[in-house]
Amino acid sequence: MLDWAHSMTLRAVADGDCDDSPALRTLVATGLVEQEPDGACTVTAAGRLALEADAPPLWERIVYPVAGVCAGVYVIATVIAWVT
């Protein structure tokens, strides 16, 4: 399981962005990313597996936004009821 910074950096490298950062250097050291001498980066097979394992399941991608919207509607309704 990757932490937030490493997950975002690995996704950025997979999308073609290879900005030097401490997270990128850690990913190179752990073998999830290969860095060429010219500075180009590629995600290794282990890095692709880590990306797949780090992807949230479908229910998380659906439930969390819906719960957030419901909570927001509840708060707004509560404030309107309190004010009126």
PDB file of N, CA and C in Angstrom:
ATOM      1  N   MET A   1       0.860  -1.179   0.000  1.00  0.00           N
ATOM      2  CA  MET A   1       0.000   0.000   0.000  1.00  0.00           C
ATOM      3  C   MET A   1       0.902   1.236   0.000  1.00  0.00           C
ATOM      4  N   LEU A   2       0.623   2.123  -0.910  1.00  0.00           N
ATOM      5  CA  LEU A   2       1.396   3.350  -1.027  1.00  0.00           C
ATOM      6  C   LEU A   2       0.725   4.466  -0.247  1.00  0.00           C
ATOM      7  N   ASP A   3       1.539   5.371   0.275  1.00  0.00           N
ATOM      8  CA  ASP A   3       0.938   6.547   0.909  1.00  0.00           C
ATOM      9  C   ASP A   3       0.512   7.513  -0.200  1.00  0.00           C
ATOM     10  N   TRP A   4      -0.127   8.601   0.197  1.00  0.00           N
ATOM     11  CA  TRP A   4      -0.712   9.526  -0.761  1.00  0.00           C
ATOM     12  C   TRP A   4       0.334  10.102  -1.717  1.00  0.00           C
ATOM     13  N   ALA A   5       1.456  10.563  -1.192  1.00  0.00           N
ATOM     14  CA  ALA A   5       2.473  11.217  -2.033  1.00  0.00           C
ATOM     15  C   ALA A   5       3.055  10.242  -3.052  1.00  0.00           C
ATOM     16  N   HIS A   6       3.352   9.029  -2.620  1.00  0.00           N
ATOM     17  CA  HIS A   6       3.939   8.061  -3.535  1.00  0.00           C
ATOM     18  C   HIS A   6       2.911   7.582  -4.560  1.00  0.00           C
ATOM     19  N   SER A   7       1.673   7.426  -4.145  1.00  0.00           N
ATOM     20  CA  SER A   7       0.621   7.022  -5.076  1.00  0.00           C
ATOM     21  C   SER A   7       0.432   8.078  -6.161  1.00  0.00           C
ATOM     22  N   MET A   8       0.371   9.343  -5.762  1.00  0.00           N
ATOM     23  CA  MET A   8       0.187  10.425  -6.739  1.00  0.00           C
ATOM     24  C   MET A   8       1.397  10.540  -7.669  1.00  0.00           C
ATOM     25  N   THR A   9       2.593  10.371  -7.134  1.00  0.00           N
ATOM     26  CA  THR A   9       3.801  10.446  -7.960  1.00  0.00           C
ATOM     27  C   THR A   9       3.843   9.293  -8.942  1.00  0.00           C
ATOM     28  N   LEU A  10       3.494   8.083  -8.488  1.00  0.00           N
ATOM     29  CA  LEU A  10       3.491   6.926  -9.383  1.00  0.00           C
ATOM     30  C   LEU A  10       2.455   7.100 -10.480  1.00  0.00           C
ATOM     31  N   ARG A  11       1.299   7.642 -10.148  1.00  0.00           N
ATOM     32  CA  ARG A  11       0.277   7.901 -11.173  1.00  0.00           C
ATOM     33  C   ARG A  11       0.764   8.973 -12.164  1.00  0.00           C
ATOM     34  N   ALA A  12       1.471   9.980 -11.658  1.00  0.00           N
ATOM     35  CA  ALA A  12       2.004  11.028 -12.542  1.00  0.00           C
ATOM     36  C   ALA A  12       3.038  10.444 -13.508  1.00  0.00           C
ATOM     37  N   VAL A  13       3.901   9.573 -13.013  1.00  0.00           N
ATOM     38  CA  VAL A  13       4.901   8.940 -13.885  1.00  0.00           C
ATOM     39  C   VAL A  13       4.192   8.080 -14.928  1.00  0.00           C
ATOM     40  N   ALA A  14       3.144   7.366 -14.522  1.00  0.00           N
ATOM     41  CA  ALA A  14       2.396   6.541 -15.472  1.00  0.00           C
ATOM     42  C   ALA A  14       1.752   7.411 -16.546  1.00  0.00           C
ATOM     43  N   ASP A  15       1.400   8.650 -16.201  1.00  0.00           N
ATOM     44  CA  ASP A  15       0.797   9.583 -17.158  1.00  0.00           C
ATOM     45  C   ASP A  15       1.839  10.347 -17.970  1.00  0.00           C
ATOM     46  N   GLY A  16       3.125  10.112 -17.706  1.00  0.00           N
ATOM     47  CA  GLY A  16       4.177  10.738 -18.493  1.00  0.00           C
ATOM     48  C   GLY A  16       4.878  11.908 -17.829  1.00  0.00           C
ATOM     49  N   ASP A  17       4.541  12.230 -16.600  1.00  0.00           N
ATOM     50  CA  ASP A  17       5.165  13.344 -15.887  1.00  0.00           C
ATOM     51  C   ASP A  17       6.285  12.797 -15.005  1.00  0.00           C
ATOM     52  N   CYS A  18       7.476  13.363 -15.122  1.00  0.00           N
ATOM     53  CA  CYS A  18       8.621  12.844 -14.376  1.00  0.00           C
ATOM     54  C   CYS A  18       9.376  13.997 -13.709  1.00  0.00           C
ATOM     55  N   ASP A  19       8.704  14.685 -12.794  1.00  0.00           N
ATOM     56  CA  ASP A  19       9.346  15.764 -12.059  1.00  0.00           C
ATOM     57  C   ASP A  19      10.113  15.192 -10.880  1.00  0.00           C
ATOM     58  N   ASP A  20      11.344  15.655 -10.689  1.00  0.00           N
ATOM     59  CA  ASP A  20      12.176  15.153  -9.596  1.00  0.00           C
ATOM     60  C   ASP A  20      11.590  15.574  -8.251  1.00  0.00           C
ATOM     61  N   SER A  21      11.467  14.609  -7.363  1.00  0.00           N
ATOM     62  CA  SER A  21      10.940  14.864  -6.027  1.00  0.00           C
ATOM     63  C   SER A  21      11.442  13.766  -5.102  1.00  0.00           C
ATOM     64  N   PRO A  22      11.355  13.986  -3.790  1.00  0.00           N
ATOM     65  CA  PRO A  22      11.738  12.908  -2.866  1.00  0.00           C
ATOM     66  C   PRO A  22      10.900  11.644  -3.069  1.00  0.00           C
ATOM     67  N   ALA A  23       9.618  11.803  -3.374  1.00  0.00           N
ATOM     68  CA  ALA A  23       8.757  10.637  -3.599  1.00  0.00           C
ATOM     69  C   ALA A  23       9.211   9.861  -4.835  1.00  0.00           C
ATOM     70  N   LEU A  24       9.604  10.578  -5.891  1.00  0.00           N
ATOM     71  CA  LEU A  24      10.091   9.908  -7.097  1.00  0.00           C
ATOM     72  C   LEU A  24      11.382   9.155  -6.805  1.00  0.00           C
ATOM     73  N   ARG A  25      12.280   9.767  -6.057  1.00  0.00           N
ATOM     74  CA  ARG A  25      13.534   9.091  -5.721  1.00  0.00           C
ATOM     75  C   ARG A  25      13.276   7.826  -4.894  1.00  0.00           C
ATOM     76  N   THR A  26      12.277   7.865  -4.019  1.00  0.00           N
ATOM     77  CA  THR A  26      11.927   6.673  -3.238  1.00  0.00           C
ATOM     78  C   THR A  26      11.355   5.587  -4.145  1.00  0.00           C
ATOM     79  N   LEU A  27      10.512   5.978  -5.095  1.00  0.00           N
ATOM     80  CA  LEU A  27       9.947   5.000  -6.020  1.00  0.00           C
ATOM     81  C   LEU A  27      11.023   4.363  -6.892  1.00  0.00           C
ATOM     82  N   VAL A  28      12.024   5.144  -7.283  1.00  0.00           N
ATOM     83  CA  VAL A  28      13.142   4.598  -8.058  1.00  0.00           C
ATOM     84  C   VAL A  28      13.945   3.634  -7.180  1.00  0.00           C
ATOM     85  N   ALA A  29      14.188   4.013  -5.934  1.00  0.00           N
ATOM     86  CA  ALA A  29      14.972   3.162  -5.026  1.00  0.00           C
ATOM     87  C   ALA A  29      14.269   1.843  -4.721  1.00  0.00           C
ATOM     88  N   THR A  30      12.936   1.854  -4.684  1.00  0.00           N
ATOM     89  CA  THR A  30      12.197   0.627  -4.384  1.00  0.00           C
ATOM     90  C   THR A  30      11.916  -0.209  -5.629  1.00  0.00           C
ATOM     91  N   GLY A  31      12.263   0.302  -6.802  1.00  0.00           N
ATOM     92  CA  GLY A  31      12.102  -0.465  -8.029  1.00  0.00           C
ATOM     93  C   GLY A  31      10.741  -0.346  -8.673  1.00  0.00           C
ATOM     94  N   LEU A  32       9.932   0.599  -8.240  1.00  0.00           N
ATOM     95  CA  LEU A  32       8.619   0.787  -8.852  1.00  0.00           C
ATOM     96  C   LEU A  32       8.698   1.664 -10.091  1.00  0.00           C
ATOM     97  N   VAL A  33       9.770   2.449 -10.181  1.00  0.00           N
ATOM     98  CA  VAL A  33       9.992   3.338 -11.328  1.00  0.00           C
ATOM     99  C   VAL A  33      11.445   3.195 -11.756  1.00  0.00           C
ATOM    100  N   GLU A  34      11.658   3.188 -13.082  1.00  0.00           N
ATOM    101  CA  GLU A  34      13.022   3.219 -13.624  1.00  0.00           C
ATOM    102  C   GLU A  34      13.281   4.611 -14.167  1.00  0.00           C
ATOM    103  N   GLN A  35      14.450   5.156 -13.851  1.00  0.00           N
ATOM    104  CA  GLN A  35      14.803   6.483 -14.355  1.00  0.00           C
ATOM    105  C   GLN A  35      16.029   6.347 -15.238  1.00  0.00           C
ATOM    106  N   GLU A  36      15.909   6.830 -16.457  1.00  0.00           N
ATOM    107  CA  GLU A  36      17.002   6.784 -17.424  1.00  0.00           C
ATOM    108  C   GLU A  36      18.000   7.899 -17.124  1.00  0.00           C
ATOM    109  N   PRO A  37      19.226   7.779 -17.618  1.00  0.00           N
ATOM    110  CA  PRO A  37      20.212   8.845 -17.397  1.00  0.00           C
ATOM    111  C   PRO A  37      19.781  10.202 -17.953  1.00  0.00           C
ATOM    112  N   ASP A  38      18.954  10.191 -18.995  1.00  0.00           N
ATOM    113  CA  ASP A  38      18.494  11.460 -19.563  1.00  0.00           C
ATOM    114  C   ASP A  38      17.339  12.073 -18.772  1.00  0.00           C
ATOM    115  N   GLY A  39      16.875  11.383 -17.712  1.00  0.00           N
ATOM    116  CA  GLY A  39      15.824  11.912 -16.856  1.00  0.00           C
ATOM    117  C   GLY A  39      14.447  11.356 -17.122  1.00  0.00           C
ATOM    118  N   ALA A  40      14.288  10.578 -18.194  1.00  0.00           N
ATOM    119  CA  ALA A  40      12.984   9.985 -18.499  1.00  0.00           C
ATOM    120  C   ALA A  40      12.663   8.885 -17.491  1.00  0.00           C
ATOM    121  N   CYS A  41      11.387   8.744 -17.166  1.00  0.00           N
ATOM    122  CA  CYS A  41      10.955   7.755 -16.177  1.00  0.00           C
ATOM    123  C   CYS A  41       9.931   6.816 -16.792  1.00  0.00           C
ATOM    124  N   THR A  42       9.968   5.559 -16.364  1.00  0.00           N
ATOM    125  CA  THR A  42       8.961   4.579 -16.762  1.00  0.00           C
ATOM    126  C   THR A  42       8.550   3.779 -15.535  1.00  0.00           C
ATOM    127  N   VAL A  43       7.309   3.367 -15.525  1.00  0.00           N
ATOM    128  CA  VAL A  43       6.791   2.541 -14.437  1.00  0.00           C
ATOM    129  C   VAL A  43       7.169   1.099 -14.734  1.00  0.00           C
ATOM    130  N   THR A  44       7.728   0.412 -13.754  1.00  0.00           N
ATOM    131  CA  THR A  44       8.113  -0.991 -13.918  1.00  0.00           C
ATOM    132  C   THR A  44       6.887  -1.887 -13.762  1.00  0.00           C
ATOM    133  N   ALA A  45       7.079  -3.180 -13.981  1.00  0.00           N
ATOM    134  CA  ALA A  45       5.983  -4.140 -13.790  1.00  0.00           C
ATOM    135  C   ALA A  45       5.506  -4.119 -12.344  1.00  0.00           C
ATOM    136  N   ALA A  46       6.436  -4.031 -11.404  1.00  0.00           N
ATOM    137  CA  ALA A  46       6.058  -3.943  -9.989  1.00  0.00           C
ATOM    138  C   ALA A  46       5.289  -2.653  -9.715  1.00  0.00           C
ATOM    139  N   GLY A  47       5.652  -1.578 -10.386  1.00  0.00           N
ATOM    140  CA  GLY A  47       4.944  -0.318 -10.231  1.00  0.00           C
ATOM    141  C   GLY A  47       3.524  -0.396 -10.763  1.00  0.00           C
ATOM    142  N   ARG A  48       3.340  -1.101 -11.897  1.00  0.00           N
ATOM    143  CA  ARG A  48       1.987  -1.284 -12.436  1.00  0.00           C
ATOM    144  C   ARG A  48       1.130  -2.109 -11.476  1.00  0.00           C
ATOM    145  N   LEU A  49       1.725  -3.142 -10.874  1.00  0.00           N
ATOM    146  CA  LEU A  49       0.990  -3.935  -9.878  1.00  0.00           C
ATOM    147  C   LEU A  49       0.617  -3.085  -8.673  1.00  0.00           C
ATOM    148  N   ALA A  50       1.527  -2.221  -8.243  1.00  0.00           N
ATOM    149  CA  ALA A  50       1.235  -1.340  -7.107  1.00  0.00           C
ATOM    150  C   ALA A  50       0.110  -0.371  -7.445  1.00  0.00           C
ATOM    151  N   LEU A  51       0.087   0.127  -8.684  1.00  0.00           N
ATOM    152  CA  LEU A  51      -1.001   1.019  -9.101  1.00  0.00           C
ATOM    153  C   LEU A  51      -2.340   0.286  -9.095  1.00  0.00           C
ATOM    154  N   GLU A  52      -2.353  -0.947  -9.587  1.00  0.00           N
ATOM    155  CA  GLU A  52      -3.587  -1.725  -9.606  1.00  0.00           C
ATOM    156  C   GLU A  52      -4.067  -2.031  -8.192  1.00  0.00           C
ATOM    157  N   ALA A  53      -3.131  -2.360  -7.312  1.00  0.00           N
ATOM    158  CA  ALA A  53      -3.500  -2.691  -5.930  1.00  0.00           C
ATOM    159  C   ALA A  53      -3.955  -1.463  -5.163  1.00  0.00           C
ATOM    160  N   ASP A  54      -3.483  -0.289  -5.576  1.00  0.00           N
ATOM    161  CA  ASP A  54      -3.803   0.948  -4.868  1.00  0.00           C
ATOM    162  C   ASP A  54      -5.103   1.581  -5.342  1.00  0.00           C
ATOM    163  N   ALA A  55      -5.657   1.100  -6.442  1.00  0.00           N
ATOM    164  CA  ALA A  55      -6.898   1.680  -6.970  1.00  0.00           C
ATOM    165  C   ALA A  55      -8.048   1.376  -6.020  1.00  0.00           C
ATOM    166  N   PRO A  56      -8.844   2.373  -5.680  1.00  0.00           N
ATOM    167  CA  PRO A  56      -9.964   2.116  -4.771  1.00  0.00           C
ATOM    168  C   PRO A  56     -11.020   1.259  -5.457  1.00  0.00           C
ATOM    169  N   PRO A  57     -11.692   0.413  -4.702  1.00  0.00           N
ATOM    170  CA  PRO A  57     -12.751  -0.404  -5.310  1.00  0.00           C
ATOM    171  C   PRO A  57     -13.924   0.462  -5.756  1.00  0.00           C
ATOM    172  N   LEU A  58     -14.752  -0.113  -6.590  1.00  0.00           N
ATOM    173  CA  LEU A  58     -15.879   0.614  -7.167  1.00  0.00           C
ATOM    174  C   LEU A  58     -16.801   1.178  -6.101  1.00  0.00           C
ATOM    175  N   TRP A  59     -17.074   0.413  -5.050  1.00  0.00           N
ATOM    176  CA  TRP A  59     -18.007   0.894  -4.031  1.00  0.00           C
ATOM    177  C   TRP A  59     -17.470   2.141  -3.339  1.00  0.00           C
ATOM    178  N   GLU A  60     -16.152   2.244  -3.147  1.00  0.00           N
ATOM    179  CA  GLU A  60     -15.580   3.448  -2.534  1.00  0.00           C
ATOM    180  C   GLU A  60     -15.725   4.656  -3.450  1.00  0.00           C
ATOM    181  N   ARG A  61     -15.546   4.437  -4.746  1.00  0.00           N
ATOM    182  CA  ARG A  61     -15.663   5.544  -5.692  1.00  0.00           C
ATOM    183  C   ARG A  61     -17.090   6.045  -5.798  1.00  0.00           C
ATOM    184  N   ILE A  62     -18.068   5.217  -5.448  1.00  0.00           N
ATOM    185  CA  ILE A  62     -19.475   5.619  -5.510  1.00  0.00           C
ATOM    186  C   ILE A  62     -19.969   6.126  -4.157  1.00  0.00           C
ATOM    187  N   VAL A  63     -19.684   5.389  -3.088  1.00  0.00           N
ATOM    188  CA  VAL A  63     -20.261   5.687  -1.778  1.00  0.00           C
ATOM    189  C   VAL A  63     -19.746   6.995  -1.203  1.00  0.00           C
ATOM    190  N   TYR A  64     -18.451   7.254  -1.258  1.00  0.00           N
ATOM    191  CA  TYR A  64     -17.904   8.455  -0.640  1.00  0.00           C
ATOM    192  C   TYR A  64     -18.443   9.748  -1.249  1.00  0.00           C
ATOM    193  N   PRO A  65     -18.493   9.885  -2.570  1.00  0.00           N
ATOM    194  CA  PRO A  65     -19.097  11.123  -3.106  1.00  0.00           C
ATOM    195  C   PRO A  65     -20.576  11.257  -2.756  1.00  0.00           C
ATOM    196  N   VAL A  66     -21.323  10.163  -2.810  1.00  0.00           N
ATOM    197  CA  VAL A  66     -22.746  10.224  -2.479  1.00  0.00           C
ATOM    198  C   VAL A  66     -22.937  10.611  -1.013  1.00  0.00           C
ATOM    199  N   ALA A  67     -22.139  10.000  -0.122  1.00  0.00           N
ATOM    200  CA  ALA A  67     -22.232  10.334   1.302  1.00  0.00           C
ATOM    201  C   ALA A  67     -21.862  11.798   1.542  1.00  0.00           C
ATOM    202  N   GLY A  68     -20.880  12.304   0.811  1.00  0.00           N
ATOM    203  CA  GLY A  68     -20.503  13.713   0.944  1.00  0.00           C
ATOM    204  C   GLY A  68     -21.613  14.649   0.515  1.00  0.00           C
ATOM    205  N   VAL A  69     -22.271  14.332  -0.587  1.00  0.00           N
ATOM    206  CA  VAL A  69     -23.380  15.167  -1.057  1.00  0.00           C
ATOM    207  C   VAL A  69     -24.524  15.118  -0.055  1.00  0.00           C
ATOM    208  N   CYS A  70     -24.844  13.922   0.451  1.00  0.00           N
ATOM    209  CA  CYS A  70     -25.929  13.794   1.439  1.00  0.00           C
ATOM    210  C   CYS A  70     -25.619  14.591   2.707  1.00  0.00           C
ATOM    211  N   ALA A  71     -24.391  14.512   3.160  1.00  0.00           N
ATOM    212  CA  ALA A  71     -24.007  15.270   4.356  1.00  0.00           C
ATOM    213  C   ALA A  71     -24.121  16.767   4.106  1.00  0.00           C
ATOM    214  N   GLY A  72     -23.712  17.210   2.927  1.00  0.00           N
ATOM    215  CA  GLY A  72     -23.827  18.630   2.596  1.00  0.00           C
ATOM    216  C   GLY A  72     -25.262  19.094   2.547  1.00  0.00           C
ATOM    217  N   VAL A  73     -26.130  18.299   1.952  1.00  0.00           N
ATOM    218  CA  VAL A  73     -27.558  18.644   1.886  1.00  0.00           C
ATOM    219  C   VAL A  73     -28.149  18.683   3.291  1.00  0.00           C
ATOM    220  N   TYR A  74     -27.772  17.729   4.139  1.00  0.00           N
ATOM    221  CA  TYR A  74     -28.268  17.698   5.515  1.00  0.00           C
ATOM    222  C   TYR A  74     -27.838  18.952   6.287  1.00  0.00           C
ATOM    223  N   VAL A  75     -26.569  19.338   6.131  1.00  0.00           N
ATOM    224  CA  VAL A  75     -26.071  20.530   6.831  1.00  0.00           C
ATOM    225  C   VAL A  75     -26.801  21.774   6.353  1.00  0.00           C
ATOM    226  N   ILE A  76     -26.967  21.914   5.047  1.00  0.00           N
ATOM    227  CA  ILE A  76     -27.663  23.090   4.518  1.00  0.00           C
ATOM    228  C   ILE A  76     -29.109  23.111   4.988  1.00  0.00           C
ATOM    229  N   ALA A  77     -29.789  21.975   4.963  1.00  0.00           N
ATOM    230  CA  ALA A  77     -31.174  21.912   5.418  1.00  0.00           C
ATOM    231  C   ALA A  77     -31.286  22.239   6.903  1.00  0.00           C
ATOM    232  N   THR A  78     -30.326  21.786   7.699  1.00  0.00           N
ATOM    233  CA  THR A  78     -30.320  22.065   9.125  1.00  0.00           C
ATOM    234  C   THR A  78     -30.126  23.562   9.384  1.00  0.00           C
ATOM    235  N   VAL A  79     -29.214  24.173   8.665  1.00  0.00           N
ATOM    236  CA  VAL A  79     -28.975  25.602   8.823  1.00  0.00           C
ATOM    237  C   VAL A  79     -30.197  26.397   8.391  1.00  0.00           C
ATOM    238  N   ILE A  80     -30.814  26.016   7.285  1.00  0.00           N
ATOM    239  CA  ILE A  80     -32.024  26.729   6.832  1.00  0.00           C
ATOM    240  C   ILE A  80     -33.143  26.577   7.859  1.00  0.00           C
ATOM    241  N   ALA A  81     -33.317  25.382   8.393  1.00  0.00           N
ATOM    242  CA  ALA A  81     -34.366  25.172   9.408  1.00  0.00           C
ATOM    243  C   ALA A  81     -34.059  25.957  10.683  1.00  0.00           C
ATOM    244  N   TRP A  82     -32.792  26.067  11.038  1.00  0.00           N
ATOM    245  CA  TRP A  82     -32.405  26.786  12.246  1.00  0.00           C
ATOM    246  C   TRP A  82     -32.615  28.297  12.090  1.00  0.00           C
ATOM    247  N   VAL A  83     -32.307  28.814  10.890  1.00  0.00           N
ATOM    248  CA  VAL A  83     -32.392  30.242  10.630  1.00  0.00           C
ATOM    249  C   VAL A  83     -33.856  30.683  10.501  1.00  0.00           C
ATOM    250  N   THR A  84     -34.707  29.862   9.940  1.00  0.00           N
ATOM    251  CA  THR A  84     -36.102  30.288   9.711  1.00  0.00           C
ATOM    252  C   THR A  84     -37.004  29.968  10.873  1.00  0.00           C
TER     253      THR A  84
END
